[in-house]
Amino acid sequence: MSKRGIRKFIIGRGMRLAPQLLASCLLWMSCGPALRAQENTAAPDNAAPAAEPSVLPPDDSLTTMFHHPEWDRLWLSGQANIISQWHPEFHSPYQGKNSLTPEAQDASSRVLTLYTGWRATNKMEFLCDVQETGGHGLSEALGAAGFFNLDVVRNPLLSKAPYVARLMWHQVIALSGKKVVAERGPYSLFRELPERRLEVRFGKFSMVDFFDLSTYGTDSNLQFMNWAVDNNGAYDYVADTRGFTFGALVEYHDRHWALRFAEGLMPKVANGIHLDADLGRAHSENVELELRGRVIGKQTAIVRAMSYVNHANMGDYADAVNNWHPSAATPAPDITAHPLQTTIKYGFGLNFEQPFTDWLGVFGRWGWNEGQHESFAYTEVDQTWQIGVGGNGGRWGRRNDHLGMVFVSNGISRDHAQYLANGGDGFILGDGKLNYGRENILESYYTLHAWRGIFPSVGLQYMVNPGYNRDRGPVIVPTLRLHVDF
């Protein structure tokens, strides 16, 4: 990277986010010393009994900008997530319609979310979230299967108006009298739940709100930002362009394990915003088994095994290449050039996490899909694996900070690679030709809890063979992020 490029990034990105970051740091520096002094001051032996604790926790432990009223039946919160990324010029002897642009560029995105909920009874609740998104991703989120910013909506032509992201009915059916403490949040308002139970959800939601979760690598607000890190890249999970579907989810929970199954609506076309309501033609089944237990020391390890089957109007890579007759009218194969049909795409995933302490742990994923049929909903990955470490700043007294580092390797099937090598385009990739190699990514980040729900972050991603192309790259992507919880 040239000195001029580095200087351009620092000045350009800094000018855009400097006011927010400066305010956050000033607030933290002004409040932090006093709070730490209070914590470190020992009471004398003859001190009077401590006063009753105040209703509000200290500022350094309050992780929302405003204290949430302890409403028993209602939930109201919000968040803002702003991600700004840049990459310098990189090697690229050629490029195609869907390539990551080799010239230096920058892009910023935002996601604003309002979470609401109403607990109607001790066993039933209704949840509704409204979102507004804006900005852009680098090269409009094209040219890399493991794209750098999970918040980016891949269709820049979508309406910028706010939309309902989630709208669900959630019912709990008790199967035992024993209760366990539950942490309230936007997706569940219950303070306690039966240890053995069924949970039923119906409505609009994201499949990865409940499948393929990870303590260390799921949340683009506070953790990693790459598509192939926060989710299993080979999990072509049912979703529209924004990542949501209409469906039904049933979960069985027991003390040491859980089993979940969901059915959802597929999009009408790859990466489409419109879902196909004809269940006889298009739908998706998703199943996951979650096991919890002690493997190393006293910390609880979690393993999740997942599978999915998608039915939709998907093309076949081998058919697209074999039926292609090169001419001026058809210079490249087209995966969408087929009559209306229903084909099946299936895959498997494995996900584990093992805490070593209460502040540090290791995690990983493995994923595979059959790679014969068109990548349709998430991204163009047919095989993936990742290994990483994640945690918080508890070791140095900052338990609300987050940090992590991960390595990811993505691949595609032989038929998929041949299709791209012949000049075909997917909905993410298409360099015009392809010298195939696995797409390897290294990502790291640190998120600081500056003050009351204000979380500035710095991150860095390094990608080799973007879009599985040995002729292009490598690419380095520095990142600034500002997240605010209300």
Protein backbone atom coordinates (compact mmCIF):
# COMPACT_ATOMS: atom_id res chain seq x y z
CA MET A 1 0.00 0.00 0.00
CA SER A 2 1.49 3.42 -0.93
CA LYS A 3 1.96 6.20 1.62
CA ARG A 4 -0.33 8.34 -0.47
CA GLY A 5 -3.05 5.63 -0.35
CA ILE A 6 -2.72 5.27 3.41
CA ARG A 7 -2.93 9.03 3.86
CA LYS A 8 -6.05 9.19 1.65
CA PHE A 9 -7.76 6.48 3.69
CA ILE A 10 -6.95 8.06 7.06
CA ILE A 11 -8.06 11.53 6.03
CA GLY A 12 -11.16 10.43 4.10
CA ARG A 13 -12.47 7.93 6.63
CA GLY A 14 -11.43 9.99 9.59
CA MET A 15 -13.27 13.11 8.40
CA ARG A 16 -16.50 11.13 8.04
CA LEU A 17 -16.47 9.39 11.42
CA ALA A 18 -14.28 11.75 13.43
CA PRO A 19 -17.15 13.64 15.13
CA GLN A 20 -18.81 10.48 16.40
CA LEU A 21 -15.59 8.82 17.50
CA LEU A 22 -14.25 11.98 19.12
CA ALA A 23 -17.44 12.47 21.13
CA SER A 24 -17.35 8.85 22.23
CA CYS A 25 -13.73 9.03 23.35
CA LEU A 26 -14.22 12.33 25.22
CA LEU A 27 -17.19 10.94 27.11
CA TRP A 28 -15.30 7.78 27.98
CA MET A 29 -12.19 9.65 29.11
CA SER A 30 -14.18 12.09 31.23
CA CYS A 31 -16.34 9.47 32.93
CA GLY A 32 -13.95 6.51 32.98
CA PRO A 33 -11.34 7.72 35.53
CA ALA A 34 -13.96 8.72 38.09
CA LEU A 35 -15.76 5.42 37.76
CA ARG A 36 -12.55 3.41 38.00
CA ALA A 37 -11.51 5.42 41.05
CA GLN A 38 -14.81 4.57 42.73
CA GLU A 39 -14.35 0.90 41.96
CA ASN A 40 -10.75 0.79 43.27
CA THR A 41 -11.36 2.68 46.52
CA ALA A 42 -11.44 0.19 49.42
CA ALA A 43 -13.88 0.88 52.28
CA PRO A 44 -12.30 1.21 55.77
CA ASP A 45 -13.06 -1.41 58.42
CA ASN A 46 -15.33 0.96 60.34
CA ALA A 47 -17.21 2.15 57.29
CA ALA A 48 -20.96 2.48 57.48
CA PRO A 49 -23.09 -0.16 55.71
CA ALA A 50 -23.24 0.33 51.98
CA ALA A 51 -26.21 2.21 50.63
CA GLU A 52 -28.80 0.41 48.56
CA PRO A 53 -27.69 0.17 44.92
CA SER A 54 -29.12 2.76 42.59
CA VAL A 55 -31.64 1.83 39.94
CA LEU A 56 -29.13 2.59 37.15
CA PRO A 57 -25.88 0.60 36.92
CA PRO A 58 -22.60 2.55 36.55
CA ASP A 59 -22.05 4.16 33.17
CA ASP A 60 -19.20 1.79 32.28
CA SER A 61 -21.48 -1.25 32.58
CA LEU A 62 -24.61 0.21 30.93
CA THR A 63 -24.40 -1.04 27.34
CA THR A 64 -27.27 1.05 25.95
CA MET A 65 -27.30 4.80 25.55
CA PHE A 66 -30.52 5.07 27.56
CA HIS A 67 -31.62 2.90 30.45
CA HIS A 68 -34.44 0.58 29.34
CA PRO A 69 -37.48 0.82 31.63
CA GLU A 70 -38.24 -2.48 33.34
CA TRP A 71 -41.51 -2.97 31.51
CA ASP A 72 -42.79 -6.46 32.17
CA ARG A 73 -44.73 -6.92 28.94
CA LEU A 74 -43.19 -4.47 26.47
CA TRP A 75 -39.85 -4.17 24.70
CA LEU A 76 -38.52 -1.08 22.95
CA SER A 77 -34.92 -0.60 21.82
CA GLY A 78 -32.92 0.43 18.78
CA GLN A 79 -29.53 0.35 17.16
CA ALA A 80 -27.49 2.11 14.51
CA ASN A 81 -24.60 0.43 12.71
CA ILE A 82 -22.32 2.39 10.37
CA ILE A 83 -19.48 0.61 8.53
CA SER A 84 -16.91 2.42 6.40
CA GLN A 85 -14.40 0.44 4.31
CA TRP A 86 -11.65 1.11 1.79
CA HIS A 87 -9.21 -0.84 -0.32
CA PRO A 88 -6.15 0.36 -2.22
CA GLU A 89 -5.43 -0.51 -5.83
CA PHE A 90 -4.67 -4.19 -6.38
CA HIS A 91 -3.33 -6.38 -9.20
CA SER A 92 -5.94 -7.22 -11.86
CA PRO A 93 -5.00 -7.94 -15.50
CA TYR A 94 -8.70 -8.17 -16.43
CA GLN A 95 -12.14 -7.76 -14.92
CA GLY A 96 -15.73 -8.56 -15.76
CA LYS A 97 -19.23 -7.35 -15.05
CA ASN A 98 -19.28 -8.69 -11.49
CA SER A 99 -15.66 -8.08 -10.54
CA LEU A 100 -14.37 -6.35 -7.45
CA THR A 101 -13.10 -3.05 -8.88
CA PRO A 102 -9.26 -3.03 -8.79
CA GLU A 103 -8.94 0.76 -8.51
CA ALA A 104 -8.77 2.20 -4.99
CA GLN A 105 -12.24 2.86 -3.63
CA ASP A 106 -14.21 3.40 -0.45
CA ALA A 107 -17.80 2.82 0.62
CA SER A 108 -19.97 3.23 3.71
CA SER A 109 -23.18 1.53 4.79
CA ARG A 110 -25.72 2.04 7.56
CA VAL A 111 -28.40 -0.07 9.20
CA LEU A 112 -30.92 1.50 11.59
CA THR A 113 -33.25 -0.84 13.49
CA LEU A 114 -36.16 -0.30 15.87
CA TYR A 115 -37.02 -3.38 17.97
CA THR A 116 -40.48 -3.68 19.53
CA GLY A 117 -42.26 -6.50 21.32
CA TRP A 118 -45.36 -7.28 23.37
CA ARG A 119 -45.62 -10.25 25.71
CA ALA A 120 -49.31 -11.08 25.65
CA THR A 121 -49.13 -13.91 28.23
CA ASN A 122 -46.48 -15.88 30.10
CA LYS A 123 -46.25 -18.17 27.05
CA MET A 124 -46.99 -15.98 24.03
CA GLU A 125 -45.51 -12.82 22.55
CA PHE A 126 -45.48 -10.77 19.35
CA LEU A 127 -42.34 -9.15 17.92
CA CYS A 128 -41.95 -6.48 15.24
CA ASP A 129 -38.71 -4.87 13.99
CA VAL A 130 -38.45 -2.01 11.51
CA GLN A 131 -35.23 -1.27 9.58
CA GLU A 132 -33.83 1.41 7.33
CA THR A 133 -30.68 0.76 5.32
CA GLY A 134 -28.53 2.94 3.11
CA GLY A 135 -25.11 3.50 1.64
CA HIS A 136 -23.12 1.06 -0.46
CA GLY A 137 -20.59 -1.74 -0.30
CA LEU A 138 -17.28 -1.82 -2.15
CA SER A 139 -18.09 -2.51 -5.83
CA GLU A 140 -21.77 -2.76 -4.80
CA ALA A 141 -20.99 -6.04 -2.96
CA LEU A 142 -19.76 -7.85 -6.09
CA GLY A 143 -16.57 -9.77 -6.85
CA ALA A 144 -15.92 -11.62 -3.58
CA ALA A 145 -17.79 -14.66 -2.28
CA GLY A 146 -16.76 -13.83 1.27
CA PHE A 147 -17.71 -10.18 0.97
CA PHE A 148 -16.30 -7.70 3.46
CA ASN A 149 -19.49 -6.13 4.87
CA LEU A 150 -22.44 -8.25 6.02
CA ASP A 151 -24.65 -5.15 6.43
CA VAL A 152 -24.67 -4.36 2.70
CA VAL A 153 -27.92 -4.91 0.82
CA ARG A 154 -26.82 -6.35 -2.52
CA ASN A 155 -29.35 -4.52 -4.72
CA PRO A 156 -28.64 -0.76 -4.76
CA LEU A 157 -31.91 -0.16 -6.65
CA LEU A 158 -34.11 -1.21 -3.72
CA SER A 159 -36.33 1.37 -2.09
CA LYS A 160 -34.65 3.37 0.69
CA ALA A 161 -37.89 3.60 2.68
CA PRO A 162 -38.07 1.86 6.09
CA TYR A 163 -39.43 -1.68 5.96
CA VAL A 164 -40.62 -4.38 8.36
CA ALA A 165 -37.67 -6.72 8.83
CA ARG A 166 -39.23 -9.12 11.36
CA LEU A 167 -42.83 -9.72 12.32
CA MET A 168 -43.39 -12.89 14.39
CA TRP A 169 -45.67 -14.70 16.74
CA HIS A 170 -43.72 -16.64 19.39
CA GLN A 171 -45.38 -19.35 21.49
CA VAL A 172 -43.78 -21.38 24.30
CA ILE A 173 -45.23 -24.79 25.23
CA ALA A 174 -43.99 -26.09 28.61
CA LEU A 175 -43.01 -29.77 28.81
CA SER A 176 -41.64 -29.64 32.38
CA GLY A 177 -42.28 -27.70 35.57
CA LYS A 178 -38.65 -26.78 36.16
CA LYS A 179 -37.75 -23.22 35.09
CA VAL A 180 -34.46 -21.76 33.88
CA VAL A 181 -33.46 -18.11 33.83
CA ALA A 182 -33.68 -16.54 30.36
CA GLU A 183 -31.98 -13.39 29.12
CA ARG A 184 -34.49 -10.95 27.66
CA GLY A 185 -33.76 -9.54 24.23
CA PRO A 186 -35.40 -8.37 21.02
CA TYR A 187 -36.21 -11.94 19.92
CA SER A 188 -37.55 -13.21 23.28
CA LEU A 189 -39.00 -11.16 26.14
CA PHE A 190 -39.38 -13.97 28.68
CA ARG A 191 -37.40 -13.74 31.94
CA GLU A 192 -37.66 -17.48 32.56
CA LEU A 193 -38.53 -20.51 30.45
CA PRO A 194 -39.34 -24.17 31.11
CA GLU A 195 -36.15 -26.24 30.99
CA ARG A 196 -37.88 -28.71 28.67
CA ARG A 197 -40.13 -26.98 26.14
CA LEU A 198 -41.30 -26.43 22.60
CA GLU A 199 -40.99 -23.00 21.00
CA VAL A 200 -42.99 -22.13 17.89
CA ARG A 201 -42.44 -19.06 15.73
CA PHE A 202 -44.39 -17.98 12.68
CA GLY A 203 -44.02 -14.92 10.48
CA LYS A 204 -41.18 -12.94 8.93
CA PHE A 205 -37.65 -13.44 10.24
CA SER A 206 -34.10 -14.28 9.17
CA MET A 207 -33.13 -17.96 9.23
CA VAL A 208 -29.74 -17.06 10.74
CA ASP A 209 -31.47 -15.37 13.68
CA PHE A 210 -31.81 -18.95 14.98
CA PHE A 211 -29.59 -21.26 12.88
CA ASP A 212 -25.78 -21.45 12.77
CA LEU A 213 -25.29 -19.08 15.71
CA SER A 214 -21.95 -18.58 17.45
CA THR A 215 -20.99 -16.75 20.61
CA TYR A 216 -17.84 -15.43 18.92
CA GLY A 217 -18.81 -14.95 15.26
CA THR A 218 -22.44 -14.05 14.47
CA ASP A 219 -22.94 -10.33 15.07
CA SER A 220 -21.78 -7.78 12.46
CA ASN A 221 -22.68 -5.02 14.91
CA LEU A 222 -19.97 -5.86 17.45
CA GLN A 223 -17.94 -8.76 16.04
CA PHE A 224 -16.63 -9.78 12.60
CA MET A 225 -18.05 -8.23 9.44
CA ASN A 226 -17.29 -10.72 6.64
CA TRP A 227 -20.20 -12.70 5.12
CA ALA A 228 -18.29 -15.99 5.31
CA VAL A 229 -17.35 -15.47 8.98
CA ASP A 230 -20.59 -14.41 10.67
CA ASN A 231 -22.50 -17.09 8.72
CA ASN A 232 -21.52 -20.40 7.16
CA GLY A 233 -20.71 -19.41 3.57
CA ALA A 234 -21.94 -22.75 2.16
CA TYR A 235 -25.31 -22.33 3.91
CA ASP A 236 -27.40 -20.93 1.05
CA TYR A 237 -30.06 -20.03 3.59
CA VAL A 238 -33.51 -19.10 2.33
CA ALA A 239 -33.90 -15.30 2.14
CA ASP A 240 -34.82 -12.35 0.00
CA THR A 241 -32.25 -9.72 -0.98
CA ARG A 242 -32.36 -8.16 2.49
CA GLY A 243 -31.89 -11.51 4.25
CA PHE A 244 -35.45 -12.29 5.44
CA THR A 245 -38.15 -14.82 4.63
CA PHE A 246 -41.65 -15.79 5.71
CA GLY A 247 -41.66 -19.11 7.49
CA ALA A 248 -42.38 -21.28 10.51
CA LEU A 249 -39.88 -22.49 13.11
CA VAL A 250 -40.29 -25.21 15.77
CA GLU A 251 -37.65 -25.77 18.47
CA TYR A 252 -37.38 -28.44 21.16
CA HIS A 253 -35.17 -27.49 24.13
CA ASP A 254 -33.85 -29.80 26.84
CA ARG A 255 -31.18 -29.35 29.48
CA HIS A 256 -28.15 -30.22 27.33
CA TRP A 257 -29.47 -30.13 23.78
CA ALA A 258 -31.90 -28.54 21.36
CA LEU A 259 -33.41 -29.47 18.01
CA ARG A 260 -34.90 -26.95 15.58
CA PHE A 261 -36.71 -27.22 12.25
CA ALA A 262 -37.86 -24.42 9.95
CA GLU A 263 -39.69 -24.10 6.64
CA GLY A 264 -39.34 -20.91 4.61
CA LEU A 265 -40.25 -19.28 1.29
CA MET A 266 -37.58 -19.12 -1.41
CA PRO A 267 -37.01 -16.08 -3.68
CA LYS A 268 -38.42 -16.24 -7.22
CA VAL A 269 -35.01 -15.51 -8.77
CA ALA A 270 -31.47 -15.58 -7.41
CA ASN A 271 -30.92 -12.74 -4.94
CA GLY A 272 -34.49 -11.57 -5.58
CA ILE A 273 -36.56 -9.36 -3.30
CA HIS A 274 -39.83 -11.17 -4.14
CA LEU A 275 -40.55 -14.51 -2.45
CA ASP A 276 -42.36 -17.37 -4.21
CA ALA A 277 -45.59 -18.14 -2.33
CA ASP A 278 -46.23 -21.35 -4.32
CA LEU A 279 -45.05 -23.98 -1.80
CA GLY A 280 -45.55 -26.71 -4.37
CA ARG A 281 -42.84 -25.11 -6.50
CA ALA A 282 -40.43 -23.44 -4.07
CA HIS A 283 -39.62 -23.84 -0.38
CA SER A 284 -36.77 -24.65 2.00
CA GLU A 285 -36.32 -27.08 4.88
CA ASN A 286 -33.73 -26.37 7.59
CA VAL A 287 -32.81 -28.57 10.55
CA GLU A 288 -30.19 -28.17 13.29
CA LEU A 289 -29.14 -30.22 16.32
CA GLU A 290 -27.38 -28.33 19.14
CA LEU A 291 -25.40 -30.17 21.83
CA ARG A 292 -23.99 -28.53 24.97
CA GLY A 293 -21.56 -30.05 27.48
CA ARG A 294 -18.16 -29.81 29.16
CA VAL A 295 -15.24 -31.01 27.07
CA ILE A 296 -12.29 -28.95 28.34
CA GLY A 297 -12.26 -27.69 31.92
CA LYS A 298 -15.37 -26.17 33.44
CA GLN A 299 -16.48 -24.16 30.41
CA THR A 300 -19.46 -25.39 28.36
CA ALA A 301 -18.71 -26.28 24.74
CA ILE A 302 -21.38 -26.16 22.02
CA VAL A 303 -21.59 -28.15 18.77
CA ARG A 304 -24.26 -27.48 16.14
CA ALA A 305 -24.89 -29.82 13.19
CA MET A 306 -27.10 -28.40 10.45
CA SER A 307 -28.59 -29.39 7.09
CA TYR A 308 -30.82 -27.66 4.54
CA VAL A 309 -32.70 -28.53 1.36
CA ASN A 310 -33.80 -25.77 -1.04
CA HIS A 311 -36.43 -26.25 -3.77
CA ALA A 312 -36.52 -23.40 -6.31
CA ASN A 313 -36.19 -22.36 -9.96
CA MET A 314 -32.41 -22.89 -9.94
CA GLY A 315 -30.16 -23.53 -12.94
CA ASP A 316 -27.57 -26.31 -13.27
CA TYR A 317 -23.93 -25.24 -13.86
CA ALA A 318 -22.99 -28.27 -15.99
CA ASP A 319 -26.14 -27.92 -18.11
CA ALA A 320 -25.46 -24.20 -18.61
CA VAL A 321 -21.94 -24.97 -19.93
CA ASN A 322 -22.92 -28.04 -22.01
CA ASN A 323 -25.91 -26.32 -23.65
CA TRP A 324 -23.93 -23.18 -24.45
CA HIS A 325 -23.03 -22.55 -28.11
CA PRO A 326 -20.58 -19.62 -28.31
CA SER A 327 -21.65 -16.85 -30.68
CA ALA A 328 -21.88 -13.09 -30.82
CA ALA A 329 -25.36 -13.35 -29.30
CA THR A 330 -24.24 -15.75 -26.53
CA PRO A 331 -20.59 -15.00 -25.74
CA ALA A 332 -20.86 -16.77 -22.36
CA PRO A 333 -23.07 -19.40 -20.70
CA ASP A 334 -26.09 -18.13 -18.75
CA ILE A 335 -27.24 -20.01 -15.64
CA THR A 336 -30.68 -18.40 -15.88
CA ALA A 337 -31.33 -19.57 -19.48
CA HIS A 338 -33.70 -22.43 -18.73
CA PRO A 339 -37.48 -22.97 -18.59
CA LEU A 340 -39.34 -22.61 -15.31
CA GLN A 341 -38.44 -25.64 -13.21
CA THR A 342 -37.99 -26.87 -9.67
CA THR A 343 -34.56 -28.21 -8.75
CA ILE A 344 -33.05 -29.16 -5.41
CA LYS A 345 -29.95 -27.82 -3.68
CA TYR A 346 -28.84 -29.32 -0.36
CA GLY A 347 -25.98 -28.91 2.05
CA PHE A 348 -24.55 -29.57 5.50
CA GLY A 349 -22.80 -27.51 8.15
CA LEU A 350 -20.94 -27.98 11.41
CA ASN A 351 -20.32 -25.27 13.97
CA PHE A 352 -18.46 -25.43 17.31
CA GLU A 353 -17.30 -23.14 20.09
CA GLN A 354 -15.11 -23.89 23.10
CA PRO A 355 -14.53 -21.22 25.76
CA PHE A 356 -11.20 -21.44 27.56
CA THR A 357 -12.04 -18.75 30.12
CA ASP A 358 -14.92 -16.34 30.68
CA TRP A 359 -13.21 -13.89 28.30
CA LEU A 360 -11.56 -16.00 25.56
CA GLY A 361 -12.56 -18.96 23.39
CA VAL A 362 -12.04 -20.72 20.08
CA PHE A 363 -14.68 -21.32 17.39
CA GLY A 364 -14.98 -22.79 13.93
CA ARG A 365 -17.28 -23.80 11.09
CA TRP A 366 -17.31 -26.27 8.23
CA GLY A 367 -19.80 -26.23 5.37
CA TRP A 368 -20.52 -28.06 2.12
CA ASN A 369 -23.26 -28.02 -0.50
CA GLU A 370 -23.65 -30.07 -3.66
CA GLY A 371 -22.43 -27.24 -5.91
CA GLN A 372 -24.32 -28.55 -8.92
CA HIS A 373 -27.18 -26.09 -8.79
CA GLU A 374 -27.12 -22.33 -8.85
CA SER A 375 -26.12 -20.35 -5.76
CA PHE A 376 -29.45 -18.68 -5.13
CA ALA A 377 -29.91 -16.80 -1.88
CA TYR A 378 -26.79 -16.07 0.20
CA THR A 379 -23.45 -16.16 -1.62
CA GLU A 380 -21.41 -18.22 -4.10
CA VAL A 381 -19.65 -20.67 -1.77
CA ASP A 382 -19.88 -24.47 -2.12
CA GLN A 383 -17.29 -25.47 0.49
CA THR A 384 -15.95 -23.52 3.45
CA TRP A 385 -14.09 -23.89 6.72
CA GLN A 386 -12.99 -21.40 9.33
CA ILE A 387 -11.10 -21.34 12.62
CA GLY A 388 -10.77 -18.37 14.94
CA VAL A 389 -10.52 -16.95 18.43
CA GLY A 390 -12.87 -14.44 19.98
CA GLY A 391 -13.60 -12.89 23.30
CA ASN A 392 -13.99 -9.74 25.36
CA GLY A 393 -11.75 -7.37 27.30
CA GLY A 394 -12.45 -8.86 30.71
CA ARG A 395 -8.78 -9.79 31.15
CA TRP A 396 -7.85 -6.08 31.31
CA GLY A 397 -11.00 -4.85 33.04
CA ARG A 398 -13.07 -4.01 29.94
CA ARG A 399 -15.63 -6.82 29.81
CA ASN A 400 -17.84 -4.98 27.27
CA ASP A 401 -15.10 -4.69 24.65
CA HIS A 402 -15.01 -7.34 21.91
CA LEU A 403 -12.09 -8.74 19.92
CA GLY A 404 -11.33 -11.56 17.52
CA MET A 405 -9.27 -13.01 14.70
CA VAL A 406 -10.32 -15.66 12.17
CA PHE A 407 -9.10 -17.45 9.03
CA VAL A 408 -11.63 -18.55 6.39
CA SER A 409 -11.13 -20.64 3.25
CA ASN A 410 -13.91 -20.81 0.63
CA GLY A 411 -14.21 -22.99 -2.48
CA ILE A 412 -16.64 -23.90 -5.27
CA SER A 413 -17.41 -27.08 -7.23
CA ARG A 414 -15.69 -28.00 -10.50
CA ASP A 415 -18.87 -27.30 -12.51
CA HIS A 416 -19.30 -23.91 -10.81
CA ALA A 417 -15.66 -23.00 -11.54
CA GLN A 418 -15.96 -24.10 -15.19
CA TYR A 419 -19.05 -21.93 -15.61
CA LEU A 420 -17.19 -18.86 -14.32
CA ALA A 421 -14.07 -19.71 -16.36
CA ASN A 422 -16.18 -19.69 -19.55
CA GLY A 423 -17.33 -16.16 -18.78
CA GLY A 424 -20.59 -16.94 -16.98
CA ASP A 425 -21.94 -14.60 -14.31
CA GLY A 426 -23.51 -15.53 -10.99
CA PHE A 427 -25.37 -13.03 -8.83
CA ILE A 428 -22.13 -12.23 -6.96
CA LEU A 429 -19.21 -13.34 -9.16
CA GLY A 430 -18.09 -12.98 -12.78
CA ASP A 431 -14.59 -11.83 -13.85
CA GLY A 432 -15.07 -12.86 -17.49
CA LYS A 433 -12.62 -15.75 -17.00
CA LEU A 434 -11.14 -17.63 -14.06
CA ASN A 435 -7.82 -19.09 -12.95
CA TYR A 436 -9.32 -21.03 -10.03
CA GLY A 437 -7.92 -20.94 -6.52
CA ARG A 438 -9.54 -21.03 -3.10
CA GLU A 439 -10.61 -17.67 -1.70
CA ASN A 440 -8.73 -17.28 1.60
CA ILE A 441 -9.53 -14.53 4.10
CA LEU A 442 -7.97 -13.33 7.34
CA GLU A 443 -10.01 -10.91 9.47
CA SER A 444 -9.37 -9.24 12.81
CA TYR A 445 -11.17 -6.53 14.80
CA TYR A 446 -11.34 -4.73 18.14
CA THR A 447 -14.56 -3.14 19.40
CA LEU A 448 -14.30 -0.60 22.22
CA HIS A 449 -17.20 0.12 24.56
CA ALA A 450 -16.50 3.84 24.77
CA TRP A 451 -19.54 4.87 26.85
CA ARG A 452 -23.18 3.87 27.34
CA GLY A 453 -23.93 1.85 24.23
CA ILE A 454 -21.38 3.59 21.98
CA PHE A 455 -19.07 1.02 20.36
CA PRO A 456 -16.42 2.26 17.87
CA SER A 457 -14.44 -0.50 16.12
CA VAL A 458 -11.38 -0.92 13.94
CA GLY A 459 -10.92 -3.94 11.70
CA LEU A 460 -8.73 -5.33 8.95
CA GLN A 461 -9.43 -7.97 6.29
CA TYR A 462 -6.89 -9.55 3.93
CA MET A 463 -8.16 -11.61 0.98
CA VAL A 464 -6.20 -13.84 -1.39
CA ASN A 465 -7.81 -14.84 -4.74
CA PRO A 466 -10.95 -12.65 -4.60
CA GLY A 467 -13.78 -14.42 -6.41
CA TYR A 468 -11.58 -17.60 -6.54
CA ASN A 469 -9.33 -15.96 -9.13
CA ARG A 470 -5.55 -16.43 -8.80
CA ASP A 471 -5.03 -13.73 -11.44
CA ARG A 472 -6.45 -11.00 -9.18
CA GLY A 473 -5.50 -9.61 -5.78
CA PRO A 474 -4.58 -9.88 -3.01
CA VAL A 475 -6.86 -7.26 -1.44
CA ILE A 476 -6.51 -5.52 1.91
CA VAL A 477 -9.57 -3.82 3.45
CA PRO A 478 -9.22 -1.59 6.54
CA THR A 479 -12.52 -0.87 8.31
CA LEU A 480 -14.02 1.65 10.73
CA ARG A 481 -17.34 0.90 12.39
CA LEU A 482 -19.56 2.81 14.78
CA HIS A 483 -22.32 0.96 16.57
CA VAL A 484 -24.81 2.60 18.94
CA ASP A 485 -27.38 0.74 21.07
CA PHE A 486 -30.35 2.78 22.29
